[in-house]
Protein backbone atom coordinates (compact mmCIF):
# COMPACT_ATOMS: atom_id res chain seq x y z
CA MET A 1 -47.25 -7.70 -34.93
CA ASN A 2 -44.78 -10.05 -33.26
CA GLN A 3 -41.64 -8.58 -31.76
CA PRO A 4 -38.25 -9.91 -32.92
CA GLU A 5 -36.53 -12.31 -30.54
CA ILE A 6 -33.37 -10.16 -30.62
CA GLU A 7 -34.05 -6.44 -30.50
CA GLN A 8 -31.33 -3.81 -30.78
CA ILE A 9 -31.95 -1.05 -28.24
CA GLY A 10 -28.62 0.78 -28.36
CA GLU A 11 -25.14 0.69 -29.79
CA GLU A 12 -23.89 -2.87 -29.18
CA LEU A 13 -26.84 -3.40 -26.84
CA TYR A 14 -29.59 -5.95 -27.46
CA PHE A 15 -32.63 -7.30 -25.63
CA VAL A 16 -33.33 -11.01 -26.15
CA ALA A 17 -36.91 -12.20 -25.61
CA ALA A 18 -37.38 -15.81 -26.68
CA SER A 19 -39.02 -17.29 -23.59
CA PRO A 20 -42.38 -16.61 -21.94
CA ALA A 21 -40.59 -14.92 -19.00
CA THR A 22 -38.64 -12.41 -21.11
CA ARG A 23 -41.55 -11.78 -23.49
CA ARG A 24 -43.64 -10.90 -20.44
CA LEU A 25 -40.81 -8.68 -19.21
CA ARG A 26 -40.73 -6.85 -22.54
CA THR A 27 -44.49 -6.29 -22.46
CA GLN A 28 -44.23 -4.85 -18.97
CA ALA A 29 -41.31 -2.63 -20.01
CA GLU A 30 -43.30 -1.29 -22.96
CA LEU A 31 -46.25 -0.43 -20.71
CA LEU A 32 -43.97 1.33 -18.22
CA SER A 33 -42.23 3.24 -21.01
CA GLN A 34 -45.44 5.15 -21.69
CA THR A 35 -45.34 6.85 -18.27
CA ASP A 36 -42.76 8.70 -16.20
CA VAL A 37 -43.25 6.81 -12.94
CA PRO A 38 -40.14 5.58 -11.07
CA VAL A 39 -39.41 1.88 -11.61
CA LEU A 40 -37.61 -0.66 -9.45
CA ILE A 41 -35.80 -3.46 -11.32
CA THR A 42 -34.67 -6.52 -9.38
CA GLY A 43 -32.71 -9.57 -10.42
CA GLU A 44 -29.49 -11.47 -9.83
CA ALA A 45 -26.10 -10.09 -10.76
CA GLY A 46 -25.46 -10.35 -14.47
CA SER A 47 -29.09 -11.10 -15.35
CA GLY A 48 -29.59 -7.96 -17.44
CA LYS A 49 -31.14 -5.34 -15.14
CA ALA A 50 -29.35 -2.46 -16.89
CA THR A 51 -30.49 -3.80 -20.27
CA ALA A 52 -34.09 -3.89 -19.03
CA ALA A 53 -33.76 -0.27 -17.87
CA HIS A 54 -32.32 0.71 -21.24
CA LEU A 55 -35.23 -1.07 -22.93
CA ILE A 56 -37.72 1.09 -21.02
CA HIS A 57 -35.75 4.17 -22.03
CA SER A 58 -35.50 3.15 -25.70
CA LEU A 59 -39.27 2.57 -25.96
CA SER A 60 -40.16 5.89 -24.32
CA ILE A 61 -40.44 9.42 -25.67
CA ARG A 62 -37.18 10.14 -23.82
CA SER A 63 -35.20 7.78 -26.06
CA SER A 64 -33.43 10.59 -27.96
CA PHE A 65 -32.13 12.07 -24.69
CA PRO A 66 -29.38 10.75 -22.35
CA PHE A 67 -29.42 7.40 -20.59
CA LEU A 68 -27.11 7.61 -17.56
CA ARG A 69 -25.98 4.96 -15.07
CA VAL A 70 -24.69 5.59 -11.56
CA SER A 71 -23.38 2.84 -9.27
CA CYS A 72 -24.59 3.94 -5.84
CA ALA A 73 -22.51 1.38 -3.95
CA ALA A 74 -19.26 2.38 -5.63
CA LEU A 75 -18.95 5.92 -4.27
CA THR A 76 -18.55 7.51 -0.86
CA ALA A 77 -21.45 9.51 0.59
CA ASP A 78 -20.07 12.98 -0.29
CA THR A 79 -18.90 11.86 -3.72
CA LEU A 80 -22.24 10.26 -4.54
CA GLU A 81 -24.18 13.30 -3.37
CA SER A 82 -22.05 15.60 -5.52
CA GLU A 83 -22.23 13.18 -8.46
CA LEU A 84 -26.02 13.00 -8.36
CA PHE A 85 -27.03 16.51 -7.27
CA GLY A 86 -24.04 18.59 -8.39
CA TYR A 87 -22.20 21.13 -6.28
CA GLU A 88 -21.49 24.82 -5.87
CA HIS A 89 -18.64 26.51 -4.02
CA ALA A 90 -16.54 29.66 -4.17
CA ASN A 91 -13.05 29.20 -5.57
CA GLY A 92 -9.92 31.02 -4.42
CA ASN A 93 -10.82 34.11 -6.45
CA GLY A 94 -14.22 34.39 -4.83
CA ARG A 95 -16.02 33.25 -7.97
CA LEU A 96 -18.82 30.72 -7.78
CA GLU A 97 -17.83 27.39 -9.24
CA ALA A 98 -20.72 25.09 -10.11
CA LYS A 99 -21.06 21.64 -11.58
CA PRO A 100 -24.43 20.13 -12.51
CA GLY A 101 -25.09 16.63 -11.19
CA LYS A 102 -26.33 13.59 -13.05
CA PHE A 103 -29.96 14.51 -12.44
CA GLU A 104 -29.38 17.74 -14.36
CA GLN A 105 -27.07 16.20 -16.96
CA GLY A 106 -29.75 13.64 -17.80
CA ALA A 107 -32.37 16.30 -18.53
CA LYS A 108 -35.34 14.82 -20.40
CA GLY A 109 -33.64 11.43 -20.36
CA THR A 110 -33.38 8.51 -17.95
CA ILE A 111 -31.05 7.78 -15.05
CA LEU A 112 -30.44 4.30 -13.65
CA LEU A 113 -29.41 4.13 -9.99
CA GLU A 114 -27.68 0.76 -9.69
CA ASP A 115 -27.52 -0.97 -6.29
CA PHE A 116 -29.42 1.99 -4.89
CA GLU A 117 -29.72 0.36 -1.45
CA GLY A 118 -26.00 1.12 -1.07
CA MET A 119 -26.86 4.81 -1.08
CA PRO A 120 -26.24 6.44 2.33
CA LEU A 121 -29.41 7.35 4.23
CA ALA A 122 -28.76 11.09 3.94
CA VAL A 123 -28.55 10.80 0.16
CA GLN A 124 -31.66 8.59 0.15
CA ALA A 125 -33.51 11.39 1.95
CA ARG A 126 -32.47 13.85 -0.75
CA LEU A 127 -33.58 11.43 -3.46
CA LEU A 128 -36.96 11.06 -1.75
CA ARG A 129 -37.41 14.84 -1.72
CA LEU A 130 -36.52 14.97 -5.40
CA LEU A 131 -39.14 12.33 -6.20
CA GLN A 132 -41.72 14.29 -4.22
CA THR A 133 -40.93 17.81 -5.50
CA ARG A 134 -39.05 17.24 -8.81
CA GLU A 135 -36.48 19.73 -7.52
CA CYS A 136 -33.03 19.47 -5.94
CA VAL A 137 -30.43 21.77 -4.44
CA ARG A 138 -26.80 21.33 -5.44
CA PHE A 139 -24.33 20.31 -2.73
CA GLY A 140 -23.25 23.61 -1.11
CA GLY A 141 -25.90 25.54 -3.04
CA GLN A 142 -29.01 27.45 -1.99
CA SER A 143 -31.39 27.71 -4.94
CA PRO A 144 -33.52 24.73 -6.03
CA VAL A 145 -33.06 23.38 -9.55
CA ARG A 146 -35.99 21.94 -11.49
CA ILE A 147 -35.38 18.31 -12.51
CA ASP A 148 -36.89 16.52 -15.50
CA VAL A 149 -35.46 12.99 -15.62
CA ARG A 150 -36.95 9.49 -15.49
CA ILE A 151 -35.60 7.61 -12.44
CA ILE A 152 -35.08 3.85 -12.47
CA ALA A 153 -33.47 1.99 -9.55
CA SER A 154 -32.03 -1.52 -9.58
CA THR A 155 -30.87 -4.01 -6.97
CA GLN A 156 -29.90 -7.64 -6.60
CA ASN A 157 -30.62 -7.71 -2.87
CA ASP A 158 -33.63 -8.20 -0.62
CA LEU A 159 -35.00 -4.69 -0.17
CA GLU A 160 -37.63 -5.66 2.39
CA ALA A 161 -34.83 -6.87 4.63
CA ALA A 162 -32.91 -3.64 3.99
CA VAL A 163 -35.99 -1.63 5.02
CA ALA A 164 -36.43 -3.75 8.16
CA GLU A 165 -32.76 -3.18 9.03
CA LYS A 166 -33.17 0.59 8.47
CA ARG A 167 -30.66 0.61 5.61
CA VAL A 168 -33.30 1.86 3.17
CA HIS A 169 -35.88 4.56 3.90
CA GLU A 170 -39.29 2.92 3.99
CA GLU A 171 -41.02 5.77 2.16
CA LEU A 172 -38.36 5.77 -0.57
CA TYR A 173 -38.81 2.02 -0.97
CA TYR A 174 -42.56 2.44 -1.48
CA HIS A 175 -42.01 5.24 -4.00
CA LEU A 176 -39.68 3.09 -6.07
CA SER A 177 -41.33 -0.30 -5.69
CA ALA A 178 -44.84 0.75 -6.74
CA PHE A 179 -43.82 -0.30 -10.27
CA HIS A 180 -41.56 -3.31 -10.17
CA LEU A 181 -39.85 -5.36 -12.89
CA HIS A 182 -38.09 -8.62 -12.08
CA VAL A 183 -35.47 -9.90 -14.53
CA PRO A 184 -35.46 -13.72 -14.42
CA ALA A 185 -32.25 -15.64 -13.92
CA LEU A 186 -30.85 -17.45 -16.94
CA ARG A 187 -31.54 -20.85 -15.37
CA ASP A 188 -35.25 -19.90 -15.43
CA ARG A 189 -35.16 -19.32 -19.19
CA ARG A 190 -33.00 -22.17 -20.41
CA ASP A 191 -34.85 -22.23 -23.73
CA GLU A 192 -33.01 -19.01 -24.59
CA VAL A 193 -29.51 -20.41 -24.01
CA ALA A 194 -28.97 -21.63 -27.60
CA LEU A 195 -30.17 -18.31 -29.02
CA LEU A 196 -27.97 -16.35 -26.63
CA LEU A 197 -24.93 -18.47 -27.48
CA GLY A 198 -25.41 -17.73 -31.16
CA HIS A 199 -26.06 -14.06 -30.48
CA PHE A 200 -22.92 -13.58 -28.39
CA MET A 201 -20.84 -15.57 -30.87
CA SER A 202 -22.06 -13.51 -33.85
CA ARG A 203 -21.33 -10.24 -32.05
CA LEU A 204 -17.88 -11.30 -30.87
CA THR A 205 -16.75 -12.79 -34.18
CA ARG A 206 -17.76 -9.56 -35.94
CA ARG A 207 -15.91 -7.53 -33.34
CA TYR A 208 -12.72 -9.59 -33.57
CA GLY A 209 -12.94 -10.37 -37.29
CA VAL A 210 -12.60 -14.14 -36.90
CA PRO A 211 -14.65 -17.06 -38.31
CA GLU A 212 -17.63 -18.22 -36.30
CA PRO A 213 -17.04 -21.69 -34.81
CA HIS A 214 -19.68 -24.42 -34.65
CA PHE A 215 -21.55 -25.41 -31.50
CA SER A 216 -22.09 -29.15 -31.38
CA GLY A 217 -25.13 -30.82 -29.84
CA ALA A 218 -23.02 -31.99 -26.88
CA LEU A 219 -21.86 -28.46 -26.12
CA LEU A 220 -25.37 -27.05 -26.46
CA ASP A 221 -26.72 -29.73 -24.10
CA ALA A 222 -24.02 -28.96 -21.54
CA CYS A 223 -24.85 -25.25 -21.75
CA ARG A 224 -28.57 -25.90 -21.29
CA GLN A 225 -27.98 -28.13 -18.26
CA TYR A 226 -25.54 -25.76 -16.55
CA GLY A 227 -27.02 -23.41 -13.93
CA TRP A 228 -25.21 -20.18 -15.02
CA PRO A 229 -24.94 -18.58 -11.55
CA GLY A 230 -23.34 -15.56 -13.20
CA ASN A 231 -26.22 -15.34 -15.71
CA LEU A 232 -25.72 -13.48 -19.01
CA ARG A 233 -22.41 -12.00 -17.94
CA GLU A 234 -20.97 -15.46 -17.27
CA LEU A 235 -22.40 -16.83 -20.52
CA GLU A 236 -20.74 -14.06 -22.53
CA VAL A 237 -17.39 -14.70 -20.84
CA PHE A 238 -17.79 -18.41 -21.62
CA VAL A 239 -18.36 -17.63 -25.31
CA LYS A 240 -15.26 -15.42 -25.35
CA ARG A 241 -13.17 -18.26 -23.93
CA PHE A 242 -14.57 -20.72 -26.45
CA LEU A 243 -13.87 -18.29 -29.28
CA VAL A 244 -10.25 -17.82 -28.15
CA PHE A 245 -9.38 -21.44 -27.37
CA GLY A 246 -11.76 -23.26 -29.70
CA ASP A 247 -11.50 -26.48 -27.68
CA GLU A 248 -14.96 -28.00 -27.37
CA ALA A 249 -13.87 -30.88 -25.13
CA ALA A 250 -12.39 -28.43 -22.62
CA ALA A 251 -15.50 -26.25 -22.75
CA VAL A 252 -17.82 -29.19 -22.08
CA GLU A 253 -15.61 -30.49 -19.27
CA GLU A 254 -15.52 -27.05 -17.68
CA LEU A 255 -19.32 -26.93 -17.52
CA HIS A 256 -19.64 -30.49 -16.23
CA SER A 257 -16.99 -29.99 -13.54
CA GLN A 258 -18.61 -26.99 -11.88
CA PRO A 259 -19.97 -27.80 -8.40
CA ARG A 260 -22.77 -25.27 -8.89
CA ALA A 261 -23.82 -26.47 -12.33
CA ALA A 262 -27.24 -27.66 -11.17
CA SER A 263 -27.71 -24.82 -8.69
CA SER A 264 -30.95 -22.87 -8.72
CA ASN A 265 -30.49 -20.86 -5.54
CA GLY A 266 -29.17 -17.81 -7.32
CA HIS A 267 -26.18 -17.31 -5.05
CA GLY A 268 -22.70 -16.62 -6.28
CA GLY A 269 -23.84 -14.82 -9.41
CA ASN A 270 -21.20 -12.11 -9.32
CA GLY A 271 -20.13 -12.26 -12.94
CA VAL A 272 -16.81 -13.90 -12.15
CA ALA A 273 -16.16 -17.23 -13.83
CA ASN A 274 -16.29 -20.08 -11.33
CA GLN A 275 -13.04 -20.67 -9.52
CA ASP A 276 -10.90 -23.74 -10.01
CA ASN A 277 -12.31 -25.82 -7.19
CA GLY A 278 -14.51 -28.86 -6.89
CA ARG A 279 -13.18 -30.29 -10.17
CA THR A 280 -14.00 -33.90 -10.94
CA THR A 281 -11.56 -36.31 -12.53
CA HIS A 282 -12.32 -39.07 -14.97
CA ALA A 283 -10.07 -42.13 -14.75
CA GLY A 284 -8.86 -43.53 -18.00
CA GLU A 285 -8.91 -40.27 -19.95
CA GLU A 286 -5.46 -39.89 -21.43
CA GLN A 287 -5.85 -36.16 -22.01
CA SER A 288 -7.38 -35.37 -18.63
CA SER A 289 -4.45 -33.44 -17.19
CA SER A 290 -3.86 -31.41 -20.36
CA LEU A 291 -7.54 -30.54 -20.61
CA LYS A 292 -7.64 -29.39 -17.00
CA LEU A 293 -4.56 -27.26 -17.56
CA LEU A 294 -6.29 -25.61 -20.49
CA VAL A 295 -9.41 -25.06 -18.42
CA ARG A 296 -7.37 -23.44 -15.64
CA THR A 297 -5.70 -21.16 -18.18
CA ALA A 298 -9.05 -20.21 -19.65
CA LYS A 299 -10.48 -19.53 -16.20
CA GLY A 300 -7.56 -17.30 -15.36
CA GLU A 301 -8.24 -15.22 -18.45
CA ALA A 302 -11.95 -15.06 -17.59
CA GLU A 303 -11.16 -14.05 -14.00
CA ARG A 304 -8.84 -11.32 -15.21
CA ASN A 305 -11.55 -10.01 -17.59
CA ALA A 306 -14.20 -10.10 -14.86
CA ILE A 307 -11.98 -8.20 -12.41
CA ALA A 308 -11.07 -5.63 -15.05
CA HIS A 309 -14.77 -5.20 -15.87
CA ALA A 310 -15.69 -4.71 -12.19
CA LEU A 311 -12.92 -2.14 -11.73
CA GLU A 312 -14.10 -0.28 -14.80
CA GLU A 313 -17.74 -0.31 -13.61
CA THR A 314 -16.73 1.10 -10.22
CA HIS A 315 -14.31 3.67 -11.66
CA TRP A 316 -11.44 1.76 -10.03
CA ASN A 317 -12.86 2.06 -6.54
CA ARG A 318 -11.25 -1.13 -5.27
CA LYS A 319 -13.46 -1.58 -2.21
CA ALA A 320 -16.60 -1.26 -4.32
CA ALA A 321 -15.16 -3.64 -6.93
CA ALA A 322 -14.42 -6.21 -4.21
CA ARG A 323 -18.03 -6.01 -3.04
CA LEU A 324 -19.27 -6.36 -6.62
CA LEU A 325 -17.12 -9.46 -7.11
CA SER A 326 -17.99 -10.88 -3.67
CA ILE A 327 -14.33 -11.26 -2.71
CA SER A 328 -12.29 -9.69 0.06
CA TYR A 329 -10.51 -6.39 -0.46
CA ARG A 330 -7.11 -8.06 0.17
CA ALA A 331 -7.91 -10.78 -2.36
CA LEU A 332 -8.76 -8.16 -4.97
CA LEU A 333 -5.49 -6.29 -4.37
CA TYR A 334 -3.62 -9.58 -4.77
CA LYS A 335 -5.44 -10.32 -8.05
CA ILE A 336 -4.77 -6.79 -9.37
CA GLN A 337 -1.06 -7.35 -8.73
CA GLU A 338 -1.14 -10.90 -10.11
CA TYR A 339 -2.77 -9.83 -13.37
CA ARG A 340 -0.81 -6.56 -13.53
CA LEU A 341 -3.94 -4.46 -13.91
CA VAL A 342 -3.45 -0.68 -13.88
CA PRO A 343 -5.98 2.16 -13.96
CA PRO A 344 -6.52 3.92 -17.31
CA HIS A 345 -4.35 6.96 -18.10
CA ASP A 346 -1.90 6.19 -15.47
CA ALA A 347 -0.03 4.58 -12.98
CA GLN A 348 -0.34 6.58 -9.97
CA ARG A 349 -1.16 5.07 -6.62
CA VAL A 350 -4.00 7.54 -6.02
CA VAL A 351 -6.46 7.77 -8.89
CA HIS A 352 -8.88 10.61 -9.54
CA TYR A 353 -12.18 10.14 -11.36
CA ASN A 354 -14.67 12.89 -12.22
CA GLY A 355 -12.78 15.28 -9.98
CA PHE A 356 -13.03 13.12 -6.87
CA ARG A 357 -10.32 11.17 -5.01
CA GLU A 358 -10.90 7.46 -4.64
CA ALA A 359 -11.69 6.42 -1.07
CA LYS A 360 -9.00 4.26 0.52
């Protein structure tokens, strides 16, 4: 029986397999779902690594139990250790206060460790022991806790280089990389672009309750030819802009004017819409300046959305968000002020998440 090209694997979460590369990926994910071995998922930023992990979970016998995600690069060493393994300590009244970590919270389910190479070496050592013994000890605790959770790790970086540079424990790398899935970049599955455009547009028009606009042949051709360095994340942001502004000429010009449109090196895929540089001008076009103004406005909105998304993913850890966006910390602070972004629930200068103070 053939699998559908668009498969729903969670609430508002879909896996699209319309090319040989993604069909092969789905077959591999289904095979891996039948076992409990750790899995390493690699791929560029925005390519769909978390979706591939969720696919494995949804096809497994653990699908009715939790699926948890932890960004290892977004937290400090102590915070990450407490977040993953839990903690125990005596409060002021002498009573033992305990909090289970993600490995316990995800009992019988699956946990995705994103950017796991950003995990401090001491925490990597604890993770290795957990993989070997299926037990862990809470931070500050004494007694081991039995762990039953499927572990999946993901990265967009060169792990062999990280091992050579002693940033990743070699034994941990071999434990995780024995079963490896690679999510192809969008430029390597261009035959899916038209399907993905329609998929994102259908979802977004339903969400916003607006009519679905038409994609012309010229716009589809421009989308197929563009390199999509930000992969699926960039494509979705592009569809949002097109839905809001509805100006096909501006959308086509935006794609044609990108200096990285024909790129296939995979760099720069940080999920942020391309910045307003390297634009080309076309003499004789009467509406050139107005179109470029519209494009700049659209890009500003996309940039704001991308920054807000990165801050949300990193629980408003600004240093981690800057790394995720591949911009400097000072540039991120400037953009937060420019777009008047504020953390949820607040407006304090120091934000607390999950009981931990954000690192400054």
